[in-house]
Each structure stands twice: as structure tokens, then as C-alpha cells.
Protein backbone atom coordinates (compact mmCIF):
# COMPACT_ATOMS: atom_id res chain seq x y z
CA MET A 1 174.27 -48.86 -129.65
CA GLY A 2 172.61 -50.69 -132.96
CA ARG A 3 174.43 -53.64 -132.51
CA PHE A 4 173.86 -55.00 -128.87
CA GLY A 5 171.07 -55.21 -126.39
CA GLN A 6 169.78 -53.28 -123.63
CA GLY A 7 171.76 -55.25 -120.99
CA THR A 8 174.88 -54.51 -123.02
CA ALA A 9 174.33 -50.89 -123.15
CA ILE A 10 173.57 -50.64 -119.59
CA SER A 11 177.00 -52.57 -118.86
CA ALA A 12 178.65 -49.96 -121.33
CA LEU A 13 177.11 -47.11 -119.28
CA THR A 14 177.67 -48.40 -115.80
CA GLN A 15 181.38 -49.44 -116.30
CA ARG A 16 182.18 -45.91 -116.34
CA LEU A 17 180.12 -44.97 -113.43
CA ASP A 18 181.11 -44.96 -109.71
CA PRO A 19 178.90 -47.87 -108.28
CA ARG A 20 178.32 -45.79 -105.13
CA GLY A 21 176.42 -43.33 -107.24
CA PHE A 22 173.62 -45.09 -108.78
CA LYS A 23 171.26 -48.03 -108.15
CA LEU A 24 170.59 -50.40 -110.84
CA TYR A 25 166.97 -52.17 -110.83
CA PRO A 26 166.24 -55.23 -112.97
CA VAL A 27 162.48 -55.03 -113.82
CA THR A 28 161.15 -58.49 -114.49
CA ALA A 29 157.82 -60.08 -114.92
CA PRO A 30 155.43 -58.93 -112.00
CA ARG A 31 155.24 -61.72 -109.00
CA THR A 32 151.97 -62.62 -107.79
CA TYR A 33 151.42 -59.85 -105.07
CA GLU A 34 152.76 -57.15 -107.53
CA GLN A 35 150.05 -57.99 -109.97
CA GLN A 36 147.41 -56.93 -107.48
CA ARG A 37 148.68 -53.19 -107.58
CA PRO A 38 148.61 -50.75 -110.19
CA TRP A 39 151.29 -51.72 -112.93
CA LEU A 40 153.47 -48.65 -112.40
CA TRP A 41 153.75 -49.40 -108.56
CA ARG A 42 156.96 -51.35 -109.08
CA PHE A 43 158.52 -48.40 -110.67
CA TRP A 44 157.10 -45.92 -108.33
CA LEU A 45 158.65 -47.78 -105.09
CA LYS A 46 162.21 -47.01 -106.76
CA VAL A 47 162.18 -43.58 -107.96
CA PRO A 48 165.09 -41.77 -106.78
CA ASN A 49 165.34 -39.36 -104.09
CA ARG A 50 166.84 -35.82 -104.80
CA GLY A 51 170.45 -36.27 -105.92
CA GLU A 52 170.09 -39.93 -106.37
CA MET A 53 170.51 -41.73 -109.78
CA VAL A 54 168.44 -44.97 -110.60
CA ILE A 55 168.66 -47.29 -113.64
CA PHE A 56 165.75 -49.38 -114.71
CA ASP A 57 166.79 -52.52 -116.79
CA ARG A 58 163.36 -52.48 -118.59
CA SER A 59 161.13 -49.59 -119.08
CA TRP A 60 157.76 -48.66 -118.21
CA TYR A 61 157.34 -48.40 -121.68
CA PHE A 62 157.72 -52.14 -121.93
CA ARG A 63 153.83 -52.36 -121.47
CA VAL A 64 152.85 -50.58 -124.38
CA LEU A 65 155.75 -51.73 -126.92
CA ASP A 66 156.53 -55.18 -126.33
CA GLU A 67 153.58 -56.66 -124.47
CA ARG A 68 151.40 -54.91 -127.27
CA VAL A 69 153.47 -56.09 -130.28
CA GLU A 70 153.41 -59.44 -128.77
CA GLY A 71 149.58 -59.72 -128.20
CA THR A 72 149.79 -60.25 -124.54
CA ILE A 73 147.77 -57.23 -123.17
CA PRO A 74 144.53 -56.14 -124.50
CA GLU A 75 143.86 -53.06 -126.45
CA LYS A 76 142.02 -51.38 -123.92
CA GLU A 77 145.01 -52.06 -121.36
CA TRP A 78 147.65 -50.66 -123.52
CA ARG A 79 145.53 -47.48 -124.43
CA GLN A 80 145.21 -47.04 -120.70
CA ALA A 81 148.75 -47.45 -120.22
CA TYR A 82 149.80 -44.75 -122.21
CA GLN A 83 147.54 -42.45 -120.32
CA ASP A 84 149.28 -43.82 -117.09
CA ILE A 85 152.61 -43.16 -118.45
CA VAL A 86 151.79 -39.50 -119.39
CA GLU A 87 150.43 -39.00 -115.72
CA PHE A 88 153.48 -40.91 -114.18
CA GLU A 89 155.97 -38.85 -116.32
CA ARG A 90 154.23 -35.51 -115.46
CA MET A 91 154.39 -36.31 -111.52
CA LEU A 92 158.06 -37.06 -111.69
CA ALA A 93 158.65 -33.74 -113.80
CA ASP A 94 156.53 -31.74 -111.49
CA ASP A 95 158.54 -32.93 -108.58
CA GLY A 96 161.69 -32.11 -110.48
CA THR A 97 162.77 -35.62 -111.03
CA VAL A 98 164.88 -35.81 -114.33
CA HIS A 99 164.22 -38.86 -116.18
CA PRO A 100 166.27 -39.34 -119.45
CA GLN A 101 165.49 -42.53 -121.32
CA VAL A 102 168.05 -44.46 -123.39
CA LEU A 103 166.49 -46.91 -125.49
CA PRO A 104 168.35 -49.06 -127.96
CA SER A 105 168.42 -48.44 -131.48
CA TYR A 106 167.60 -51.72 -133.27
CA LEU A 107 167.45 -50.38 -136.88
CA GLU A 108 167.88 -53.62 -138.89
CA GLU A 109 167.98 -56.08 -136.12
CA GLY A 110 164.57 -54.37 -134.39
CA THR A 111 162.69 -54.31 -137.64
CA THR A 112 163.39 -58.19 -138.21
CA ARG A 113 162.75 -59.05 -134.76
CA THR A 114 159.67 -56.96 -134.75
CA GLY A 115 158.66 -58.13 -138.02
CA SER A 116 158.99 -61.86 -136.93
CA ARG A 117 156.95 -60.98 -133.61
CA LEU A 118 153.97 -59.56 -135.87
CA SER A 119 154.19 -62.86 -138.15
CA ARG A 120 153.88 -64.91 -134.99
CA PRO A 121 152.21 -62.67 -132.30
CA ILE A 122 151.28 -65.50 -129.71
CA ARG A 123 153.82 -67.71 -128.30
CA SER A 124 153.35 -70.51 -125.91
CA LYS A 125 156.93 -70.34 -124.55
CA PRO A 126 159.20 -67.55 -124.28
CA GLY A 127 161.92 -67.82 -127.11
CA GLU A 128 159.82 -69.58 -129.63
């Protein structure tokens, strides 16, 4: 998985699956009404029922990884987000939900990308 992004990895995975056997949820920036809710609310709504499989196209770890590196979230919030994630995953496990996580390995690309983000932590427009 080292030479392509998460979207490509999801495509590689899902092309081998029966489309009736899973749901794919792209997770984008929260909408205005979603910002009034706890930040994990968007994921909680889509937790699969027993026997179902769900693929999230962006992890709840985004909050403590990318947002933290980009400097778009205050330290107090990302520290609390770690605790929120632990509690959320504990609830999932206690309910019997299996939640494997597949995170792309960026090795060289990730090191370069993360390094460039750290050298310019605040961007005025996406893609700058």
C-alpha cells in the first residue's frame, strides 16, 4: 500500500467484495449542523449492526493526526480527542463490534508530506 493513497487502497479492497455486503461512508469536513454535536457523532450514526460491514473513508484518528499536524485544532482539543477515541473504541468492543483499521503506510511519501506540513503548519487554502 506504500505507493498510493487511502482512496486507492479502499478501491483495491472493495473491488474484491460483493457490494451488497458492505457500506462505504466518505467522511468529509463536518457540516454546520454537525459542528453542534460531539465530534464522533458522525461516526456513531454509521456504526454497523451485527453482521454488517462498514468502511469509513477517513478515520476518526484524522482529528488527532492530520488536524494536529496542520495546527487546525488546539492542543486541549486533540488531547481530549485521544480520550474520546479510547472511550468510543471501548464501547464498540464492549458491544462486540470488530473494528480493524487499515491505515496506509506512507514511509517515504508520508515522511516528506508530514515534513512539509510541519514546515508550513498553517495554510490559507487547501492544497497550498
